[in-house]
Amino acid sequence: TFGDFLRKVISETSRGHEQDERFT
């Protein structure tokens, strides 16, 4: 469903931000 898609995108984005903070 669209809600599941949004949750997936948000989780992927959150992981990306965490990786960026660690990398910096």
Protein backbone atom coordinates (compact mmCIF):
# COMPACT_ATOMS: atom_id res chain seq x y z
CA THR A 1 0.00 0.00 0.00
CA PHE A 2 1.00 3.65 -0.25
CA GLY A 3 1.46 3.81 3.53
CA ASP A 4 3.93 0.92 3.43
CA PHE A 5 5.81 2.70 0.62
CA LEU A 6 6.06 5.88 2.69
CA ARG A 7 7.30 3.95 5.73
CA LYS A 8 9.98 2.28 3.58
CA VAL A 9 11.13 5.61 2.13
CA ILE A 10 11.21 7.23 5.59
CA SER A 11 13.21 4.34 7.08
CA GLU A 12 15.65 4.47 4.15
CA THR A 13 16.03 8.23 4.55
CA SER A 14 16.56 7.92 8.29
CA ARG A 15 19.30 5.33 7.75
CA GLY A 16 20.90 7.64 5.19
CA HIS A 17 20.98 10.55 7.66
CA GLU A 18 22.51 8.33 10.35
CA GLN A 19 25.22 7.19 7.93
CA ASP A 20 25.93 10.80 6.91
CA GLU A 21 26.32 11.86 10.55
CA ARG A 22 28.68 8.93 11.24
CA PHE A 23 30.67 9.66 8.09
CA THR A 24 31.09 13.28 9.14
